[in-house]
Protein backbone atom coordinates (compact mmCIF):
# COMPACT_ATOMS: atom_id res chain seq x y z
CA MET A 1 -8.34 27.61 12.26
CA SER A 2 -5.04 28.11 14.12
CA THR A 3 -3.74 24.83 15.74
CA LEU A 4 -1.22 26.57 18.03
CA GLU A 5 -3.53 26.73 20.72
CA PRO A 6 -4.28 23.23 22.74
CA ALA A 7 -7.25 21.14 20.97
CA GLU A 8 -9.59 21.30 23.95
CA VAL A 9 -9.29 25.03 24.05
CA ARG A 10 -10.21 25.09 20.36
CA ALA A 11 -13.00 22.59 20.79
CA ALA A 12 -14.41 24.79 23.80
CA ARG A 13 -15.30 27.73 21.39
CA PHE A 14 -15.94 25.79 18.37
CA ALA A 15 -19.39 26.22 16.70
CA PRO A 16 -20.49 23.75 14.27
CA PRO A 17 -21.66 25.40 11.17
CA ARG A 18 -25.37 25.15 10.53
CA ALA A 19 -26.58 23.80 7.19
CA ASN A 20 -28.12 26.21 4.48
CA ARG A 21 -30.13 23.49 3.07
CA PRO A 22 -30.66 20.67 5.59
CA ARG A 23 -31.16 17.13 4.08
CA ARG A 24 -31.16 13.36 5.01
CA VAL A 25 -27.79 11.87 5.13
CA VAL A 26 -26.52 8.36 5.78
CA VAL A 27 -23.33 8.21 7.77
CA ALA A 28 -20.93 5.47 7.10
CA LEU A 29 -20.36 4.79 10.98
CA SER A 30 -17.20 2.69 11.50
CA GLY A 31 -17.36 2.65 15.12
CA GLY A 32 -14.20 4.71 15.45
CA VAL A 33 -13.93 8.45 16.58
CA ASP A 34 -13.66 10.16 13.00
CA SER A 35 -17.12 8.91 11.50
CA SER A 36 -18.68 9.47 14.97
CA VAL A 37 -17.42 13.39 14.88
CA ALA A 38 -18.80 13.34 11.34
CA ALA A 39 -22.18 12.19 12.56
CA TRP A 40 -22.32 14.48 15.36
CA LEU A 41 -21.21 17.54 12.99
CA LEU A 42 -24.14 16.56 10.91
CA VAL A 43 -26.59 16.45 13.51
CA GLN A 44 -25.51 19.84 14.65
CA ALA A 45 -25.81 21.31 11.38
CA GLY A 46 -29.51 20.35 11.42
CA HIS A 47 -29.54 17.44 8.96
CA GLU A 48 -31.33 14.19 9.27
CA VAL A 49 -28.92 11.57 10.11
CA ILE A 50 -29.07 8.00 9.85
CA GLY A 51 -26.31 5.84 10.77
CA ALA A 52 -24.92 2.65 9.08
CA SER A 53 -22.54 0.01 9.53
CA LEU A 54 -20.98 -2.38 7.31
CA ARG A 55 -20.12 -5.93 8.79
CA LEU A 56 -17.22 -6.93 6.14
CA THR A 57 -14.77 -9.49 6.91
CA PRO A 58 -16.20 -12.99 6.67
CA ASP A 59 -15.70 -15.47 9.57
CA GLY A 60 -12.87 -17.74 9.17
CA VAL A 61 -10.83 -15.83 6.33
CA GLY A 62 -9.46 -13.37 9.00
CA ALA A 63 -11.99 -11.82 11.40
CA PRO A 64 -10.97 -8.43 12.40
CA ALA A 65 -8.81 -8.28 15.38
CA GLU A 66 -9.23 -5.59 18.20
CA GLY A 67 -7.68 -2.25 16.71
CA ARG A 68 -9.01 -3.23 13.08
CA CYS A 69 -11.74 -1.59 11.43
CA CYS A 70 -15.12 -3.17 10.91
CA SER A 71 -14.92 -5.68 13.51
CA VAL A 72 -17.89 -6.85 15.77
CA ASP A 73 -17.01 -4.88 18.51
CA ASP A 74 -16.72 -1.80 16.07
CA LEU A 75 -20.64 -2.60 15.12
CA ARG A 76 -21.53 -2.18 18.77
CA ASP A 77 -19.56 1.08 19.06
CA ALA A 78 -21.19 2.24 16.25
CA ARG A 79 -24.79 1.66 17.86
CA ARG A 80 -23.62 3.28 21.03
CA VAL A 81 -22.52 6.39 19.04
CA ALA A 82 -25.77 6.59 17.18
CA ASP A 83 -27.80 6.00 20.45
CA ALA A 84 -25.84 9.02 22.01
CA LEU A 85 -26.79 10.88 18.97
CA GLY A 86 -30.52 10.05 18.94
CA VAL A 87 -30.20 8.83 15.30
CA PRO A 88 -31.54 5.47 13.76
CA PHE A 89 -28.64 2.96 13.22
CA HIS A 90 -28.68 0.08 10.63
CA ALA A 91 -25.94 -2.59 10.31
CA ILE A 92 -25.34 -4.00 6.83
CA ASP A 93 -24.07 -7.52 6.21
CA ALA A 94 -21.63 -6.83 3.40
CA ARG A 95 -19.31 -9.87 4.05
CA ALA A 96 -19.88 -11.69 0.81
CA ARG A 97 -19.55 -8.49 -1.42
CA PHE A 98 -16.49 -7.61 0.45
CA PHE A 99 -14.84 -11.04 -0.09
CA ASP A 100 -15.56 -10.97 -3.54
CA ALA A 101 -14.51 -7.40 -4.25
CA VAL A 102 -11.86 -6.67 -1.90
CA MET A 103 -10.42 -9.73 -0.58
CA ARG A 104 -10.26 -12.33 -3.33
CA PRO A 105 -8.77 -9.61 -5.51
CA PHE A 106 -5.97 -8.90 -2.98
CA ALA A 107 -4.91 -12.55 -2.52
CA GLU A 108 -4.67 -12.67 -6.23
CA ALA A 109 -3.07 -9.79 -6.68
CA TYR A 110 -0.08 -10.83 -4.48
CA ARG A 111 -0.02 -14.29 -5.86
CA GLN A 112 0.60 -12.48 -9.26
CA GLY A 113 3.77 -10.82 -7.66
CA LEU A 114 1.85 -7.37 -7.50
CA THR A 115 1.46 -5.11 -4.11
CA PRO A 116 -2.35 -4.35 -4.00
CA ILE A 117 -4.00 -1.79 -2.04
CA PRO A 118 -7.61 -3.59 -0.60
CA CYS A 119 -8.75 0.01 0.80
CA LEU A 120 -8.81 1.19 -2.98
CA ALA A 121 -11.42 -1.19 -3.78
CA CYS A 122 -13.18 -0.88 -0.36
CA ASN A 123 -13.53 2.67 -0.96
CA HIS A 124 -14.32 2.56 -4.36
CA GLU A 125 -16.74 -0.43 -4.63
CA ILE A 126 -18.29 -0.73 -1.11
CA LYS A 127 -18.24 2.78 0.66
CA LEU A 128 -18.74 5.15 -2.05
CA GLY A 129 -20.04 2.39 -4.36
CA ASP A 130 -22.65 0.16 -2.67
CA LEU A 131 -23.39 2.29 0.38
CA LEU A 132 -23.97 5.31 -1.71
CA GLY A 133 -26.44 3.32 -3.79
CA THR A 134 -27.99 2.54 -0.22
CA ALA A 135 -28.32 6.19 0.40
CA ARG A 136 -29.94 7.23 -2.77
CA SER A 137 -32.25 4.73 -2.22
CA LEU A 138 -33.06 6.27 0.94
CA GLY A 139 -33.38 9.71 -0.94
CA ALA A 140 -30.26 10.64 0.72
CA ALA A 141 -26.58 11.65 0.61
CA LEU A 142 -23.89 9.85 2.20
CA ALA A 143 -21.35 11.15 4.58
CA THR A 144 -18.02 9.32 5.78
CA GLY A 145 -15.11 10.45 8.00
CA HIS A 146 -12.65 10.74 5.45
CA TYR A 147 -10.10 13.51 5.73
CA ALA A 148 -10.44 15.14 2.31
CA ARG A 149 -12.49 18.44 1.19
CA LYS A 150 -14.97 19.12 -1.22
CA VAL A 151 -14.11 22.33 -3.19
CA VAL A 152 -15.28 24.22 -6.51
CA ARG A 153 -12.57 24.45 -8.91
CA ASP A 154 -13.42 26.22 -12.42
CA GLY A 155 -16.94 26.05 -11.81
CA ARG A 156 -16.89 22.18 -10.94
CA ALA A 157 -17.10 20.37 -8.01
CA ALA A 158 -13.86 18.82 -6.82
CA LEU A 159 -11.85 16.67 -4.04
CA ALA A 160 -9.14 18.13 -2.35
CA ARG A 161 -6.53 17.44 0.10
CA PRO A 162 -7.72 18.17 3.54
CA PHE A 163 -6.60 20.93 6.06
CA ASP A 164 -4.76 18.25 8.33
CA ARG A 165 -2.11 16.99 5.75
CA ALA A 166 -1.03 14.30 8.07
CA ARG A 167 -4.23 12.35 8.04
CA ASP A 168 -4.80 12.97 4.24
CA GLN A 169 -7.05 10.55 2.68
CA THR A 170 -7.54 11.43 -0.69
CA TYR A 171 -5.36 9.15 -2.42
CA TRP A 172 -7.69 6.38 -1.62
CA LEU A 173 -10.44 8.39 -3.09
CA TYR A 174 -8.75 8.89 -6.35
CA GLY A 175 -11.73 7.47 -8.72
CA THR A 176 -14.45 9.44 -7.10
CA PRO A 177 -16.43 10.86 -10.15
CA ALA A 178 -16.99 14.82 -9.73
CA GLY A 179 -20.68 13.85 -10.66
CA ASP A 180 -21.26 11.90 -7.14
CA LEU A 181 -19.74 14.81 -5.06
CA ASP A 182 -23.15 16.62 -4.52
CA GLU A 183 -24.29 13.53 -2.93
CA LEU A 184 -21.27 13.16 -0.51
CA GLU A 185 -20.66 15.07 2.91
CA LEU A 186 -17.22 15.22 4.13
CA PRO A 187 -17.35 16.94 7.56
CA LEU A 188 -13.79 16.51 8.64
CA GLY A 189 -12.22 18.22 5.70
CA GLU A 190 -11.29 21.48 7.52
CA LEU A 191 -10.61 20.14 10.77
CA ASP A 192 -7.14 18.43 12.25
CA LYS A 193 -7.25 15.17 14.21
CA PRO A 194 -6.40 16.59 17.53
CA LEU A 195 -9.63 19.10 17.08
CA VAL A 196 -11.83 16.14 16.28
CA ARG A 197 -10.68 14.09 19.63
CA ALA A 198 -11.33 17.03 21.39
CA LEU A 199 -14.73 17.63 19.75
CA ALA A 200 -15.53 13.82 20.64
CA ARG A 201 -15.21 14.44 24.17
CA LYS A 202 -17.08 17.81 23.88
CA ALA A 203 -19.83 16.06 22.79
CA GLY A 204 -19.63 13.13 25.02
CA LEU A 205 -19.26 10.35 22.35
CA PRO A 206 -18.51 6.89 23.70
CA VAL A 207 -15.52 6.53 21.57
CA ALA A 208 -13.72 9.76 22.06
CA ASP A 209 -10.66 8.02 23.27
CA LYS A 210 -10.68 4.75 21.28
CA PRO A 211 -7.31 4.08 19.30
CA ASP A 212 -7.59 4.57 15.46
CA SER A 213 -7.56 1.13 13.48
CA GLN A 214 -4.27 0.44 12.12
CA GLU A 215 -3.40 -1.30 8.89
CA ILE A 216 -5.82 -3.36 6.86
CA CYS A 217 -8.55 -4.70 8.56
CA PHE A 218 -8.48 -8.28 7.59
CA VAL A 219 -4.68 -8.57 8.01
CA HIS A 220 -3.70 -9.69 11.54
CA ASP A 221 -0.55 -8.23 12.92
CA GLY A 222 0.48 -6.70 9.36
CA ASP A 223 1.30 -10.72 8.03
CA HIS A 224 0.21 -9.86 4.58
CA ALA A 225 1.45 -13.67 3.62
CA ALA A 226 -0.66 -15.18 6.24
CA ALA A 227 -3.67 -13.33 5.10
CA VAL A 228 -3.18 -14.49 1.25
CA GLU A 229 -2.61 -17.91 2.10
CA ARG A 230 -5.83 -17.79 4.46
CA ILE A 231 -7.92 -16.41 1.57
CA GLY A 232 -7.00 -18.46 -1.31
CA GLY A 233 -3.22 -20.00 -1.21
CA LYS A 234 0.32 -19.29 -1.62
CA GLY A 235 2.14 -17.46 -5.02
CA ALA A 236 4.47 -19.34 -6.64
CA SER A 237 7.59 -20.63 -5.12
CA GLY A 238 10.97 -19.80 -6.70
CA GLU A 239 14.21 -18.38 -5.92
CA VAL A 240 15.62 -15.05 -4.51
CA VAL A 241 18.39 -14.00 -6.90
CA ASP A 242 20.77 -11.21 -6.94
CA ALA A 243 21.04 -8.81 -10.14
CA THR A 244 23.33 -10.87 -11.92
CA GLY A 245 20.59 -13.97 -11.64
CA ALA A 246 22.93 -15.75 -9.05
CA SER A 247 20.77 -18.04 -6.55
CA LEU A 248 20.82 -16.65 -3.03
CA ARG A 249 18.08 -19.22 -1.54
CA PRO A 250 14.91 -20.63 -2.43
CA HIS A 251 11.85 -19.10 -1.17
CA ASP A 252 8.06 -20.48 -0.62
CA GLY A 253 5.89 -17.78 -2.37
CA VAL A 254 6.01 -14.85 -4.25
CA HIS A 255 3.06 -13.22 -1.86
CA ARG A 256 5.85 -12.61 0.68
CA PHE A 257 7.69 -9.87 -1.42
CA THR A 258 7.16 -6.66 -2.53
CA VAL A 259 9.42 -3.89 -4.58
CA GLY A 260 11.30 -1.78 -2.40
CA GLN A 261 11.40 -4.39 0.55
CA ARG A 262 14.69 -4.59 2.65
CA ARG A 263 13.73 -6.35 5.72
CA GLY A 264 12.28 -9.94 5.73
CA VAL A 265 13.82 -11.37 2.76
CA GLY A 266 15.64 -14.03 4.34
CA VAL A 267 19.18 -13.15 3.06
CA SER A 268 21.89 -11.81 5.37
CA SER A 269 23.71 -8.73 4.28
CA ALA A 270 27.09 -10.84 4.02
CA ILE A 271 25.62 -12.95 0.96
CA ALA A 272 23.40 -10.10 -0.81
CA GLY A 273 25.42 -7.08 -0.06
CA GLU A 274 24.61 -4.07 2.19
CA ARG A 275 21.29 -2.25 1.60
CA ARG A 276 19.96 -4.71 -0.96
CA TYR A 277 16.15 -4.31 -1.66
CA VAL A 278 13.64 -6.06 -3.51
CA VAL A 279 13.57 -4.46 -7.00
CA ASP A 280 11.54 -7.09 -8.96
CA VAL A 281 8.85 -9.83 -8.22
CA ASP A 282 7.86 -12.11 -11.29
CA GLY A 283 4.47 -14.07 -10.16
CA GLY A 284 5.03 -16.37 -13.11
CA SER A 285 8.31 -17.73 -12.75
CA GLY A 286 8.74 -16.85 -8.93
CA ARG A 287 11.63 -15.07 -9.29
CA VAL A 288 12.69 -12.55 -6.50
CA VAL A 289 15.32 -10.15 -7.52
CA LEU A 290 17.55 -7.98 -4.83
CA GLY A 291 19.39 -5.22 -6.15
CA ASP A 292 20.74 -1.80 -5.03
CA ALA A 293 18.85 1.59 -4.65
CA GLU A 294 19.42 2.33 -8.31
CA GLY A 295 17.30 -0.74 -9.17
CA LEU A 296 14.26 1.12 -7.67
CA ARG A 297 14.37 4.30 -9.61
CA VAL A 298 11.58 4.67 -12.22
CA ARG A 299 10.62 7.77 -14.79
CA ARG A 300 7.86 6.25 -16.55
CA VAL A 301 4.91 4.34 -15.48
CA ARG A 302 1.68 3.46 -16.79
CA ALA A 303 -1.62 3.07 -14.92
CA ALA A 304 -4.84 1.88 -15.94
CA PRO A 305 -8.02 1.62 -15.98
CA LEU A 306 -7.93 5.45 -15.73
CA ARG A 307 -10.59 6.99 -13.23
CA LEU A 308 -11.38 10.41 -13.51
CA ALA A 309 -12.36 12.76 -10.76
CA GLN A 310 -12.11 15.69 -12.90
CA PRO A 311 -12.58 15.68 -16.64
CA LEU A 312 -9.00 15.49 -18.69
CA ALA A 313 -9.74 19.10 -19.93
CA ALA A 314 -9.00 20.36 -16.50
CA TRP A 315 -5.55 18.67 -16.29
CA PRO A 316 -2.64 20.83 -16.74
CA GLU A 317 0.61 19.47 -18.82
CA VAL A 318 2.42 18.89 -15.61
CA VAL A 319 0.41 17.30 -13.04
CA GLN A 320 1.80 15.95 -9.66
CA LEU A 321 2.05 12.43 -9.28
CA GLN A 322 1.87 10.18 -6.45
CA VAL A 323 2.72 6.57 -6.55
CA ARG A 324 2.04 5.10 -2.87
CA ALA A 325 0.01 6.62 -0.18
CA ARG A 326 2.98 7.85 2.03
CA HIS A 327 5.13 8.95 -1.02
CA ALA A 328 5.32 12.49 -1.88
CA ALA A 329 3.58 13.75 -5.14
CA GLN A 330 6.31 15.31 -7.86
CA PRO A 331 5.88 16.55 -11.01
CA ALA A 332 5.05 14.52 -14.01
CA ARG A 333 4.01 15.00 -17.66
CA TRP A 334 1.13 12.64 -18.95
CA ARG A 335 -0.88 11.33 -22.12
CA VAL A 336 -3.46 8.98 -22.48
CA ILE A 337 -2.62 5.57 -24.18
CA ASP A 338 -5.71 3.24 -24.42
CA ASP A 339 -7.61 3.02 -21.34
CA GLY A 340 -4.89 4.27 -19.15
CA LEU A 341 -2.36 6.81 -18.64
CA GLU A 342 1.44 6.78 -19.48
CA LEU A 343 3.25 9.46 -16.98
CA VAL A 344 6.42 10.50 -17.18
CA ALA A 345 7.97 12.14 -13.79
CA GLU A 346 10.67 15.10 -14.05
CA GLN A 347 12.76 13.25 -11.39
CA PRO A 348 13.36 9.33 -11.07
CA ILE A 349 10.28 8.15 -8.30
CA ARG A 350 11.96 5.14 -6.14
CA GLY A 351 10.01 2.04 -5.20
CA VAL A 352 7.12 1.50 -7.88
CA ALA A 353 5.44 -1.47 -6.91
CA LEU A 354 2.76 -2.79 -9.36
CA GLY A 355 -0.61 -3.09 -8.15
CA GLN A 356 -0.59 0.23 -6.17
CA ALA A 357 -2.15 3.39 -7.64
CA ALA A 358 -0.70 6.45 -9.43
CA VAL A 359 -2.91 9.32 -8.50
CA CYS A 360 -2.74 12.79 -9.99
CA TRP A 361 -3.24 16.48 -8.58
CA HIS A 362 -3.18 19.95 -9.70
CA ASP A 363 -2.22 22.27 -6.81
CA ASP A 364 -4.55 20.08 -3.94
CA VAL A 365 -7.21 19.16 -6.19
CA LEU A 366 -7.46 15.55 -7.08
CA LEU A 367 -7.68 14.54 -10.89
CA GLY A 368 -7.90 10.90 -10.79
CA GLY A 369 -5.54 8.10 -11.67
CA GLY A 370 -5.50 4.30 -12.08
CA LEU A 371 -3.71 1.22 -10.98
CA LEU A 372 0.11 0.82 -11.61
CA VAL A 373 0.46 -2.00 -14.46
CA GLU A 374 3.72 -0.82 -16.31
CA ARG A 375 7.04 0.53 -15.15
CA ASP A 376 10.30 1.35 -16.83
CA GLY A 377 13.86 1.62 -15.19
CA PRO A 378 16.32 -1.16 -14.61
CA TRP A 379 13.57 -3.91 -13.89
CA ALA A 380 11.01 -2.62 -16.46
CA ARG A 381 7.88 -4.59 -15.93
CA ALA A 382 4.31 -4.70 -17.65
CA GLN A 383 1.33 -6.45 -15.77
CA THR A 384 -1.97 -7.39 -17.30
CA LEU A 385 -4.18 -7.22 -14.09
CA ASP A 386 -5.89 -10.77 -14.31
CA LEU A 387 -8.33 -9.47 -11.52
CA ALA A 388 -11.70 -8.53 -11.14
CA LEU A 389 -11.03 -5.10 -10.39
CA GLU A 390 -12.55 -1.87 -10.76
CA PRO A 391 -13.79 -1.20 -14.57
CA PRO A 392 -13.07 2.19 -15.90
CA LEU A 393 -15.40 4.88 -15.34
CA ASP A 394 -17.15 6.81 -18.06
CA PRO A 395 -15.14 9.74 -18.68
CA ALA A 396 -18.22 11.79 -18.81
CA ARG A 397 -18.75 11.23 -15.16
CA GLY A 398 -15.84 13.36 -14.36
CA ARG A 399 -17.20 16.24 -16.16
């Protein structure tokens, strides 16, 4: 569909496709516009839709503020959407599970000097894990408002990047096994966000003009350090040093730093020199190193545990590697080492932070990936993830 015309014009003539085989579908309603339009599309397609919302953040450790997903207000909005669509609605209290699977590992990773992505655990463990299990218990598929596509490549079901590349969320879904895709609906994969907004208005959905949620749901005002302290305490204190090891200042916790950070390090350019970045964070000793851009360049990384979206036999010799959600993918060669992958990029990658994910594609198709546990470069580091994170998936599930 062309995006040259105004979204309202495209929405006016948009005809939701009818399902060839209508079925029961549980829709993960977040209270936002994306999941709401996904539910509307499934109703229009003729499916039997059940709305379900998750209450996630425990009281007292970072209840979501306005503009964050999964707040109490979002639950109310999700119920309003279900009422508008005439579908049943269930609110699920997942606060204890969310704390154990997402929040506690997030805080512990920061205390170890890592840079975790809680949305990975939330998607893998809660939304496409527990909630998919709930849908199965009801004899239903699961639908979400993720911007990702289901495709068939070489006779196998696969996840692929969406039509709207600016909204691409496949990075966070890297571990979804192909065996689960028959039970997953992704109605927004072929749409762009302006059209989704316009369709919400066309459908009369009460959240049509609701702003998108921003940042992490339990991190107030983008203050990751404060969230870590609320959840489980500070990381090790220590020294901010330059590349020679000379002390620049003391700091009160490694959880306040991440590789690639330039602002907020508490050292003026007159002392540290121009354009200095955090190039290493040692959670054990508490040492935080500032260096130049060259210190951020990495060619080889290791990711573990390996989670396969497609079987290794389908991986080409050179894949497209992405090491942050907003980084551009670039060519890399791979090989399996123990329970993970070694990846060697054709060109240096900048700003590899352990705890993020290394995700691989072939063309637009998601192959799989793992958490970054080792990097080379001027500040090479390997990290044992002493966290209750995701176990490796059985590779057979990707077949």
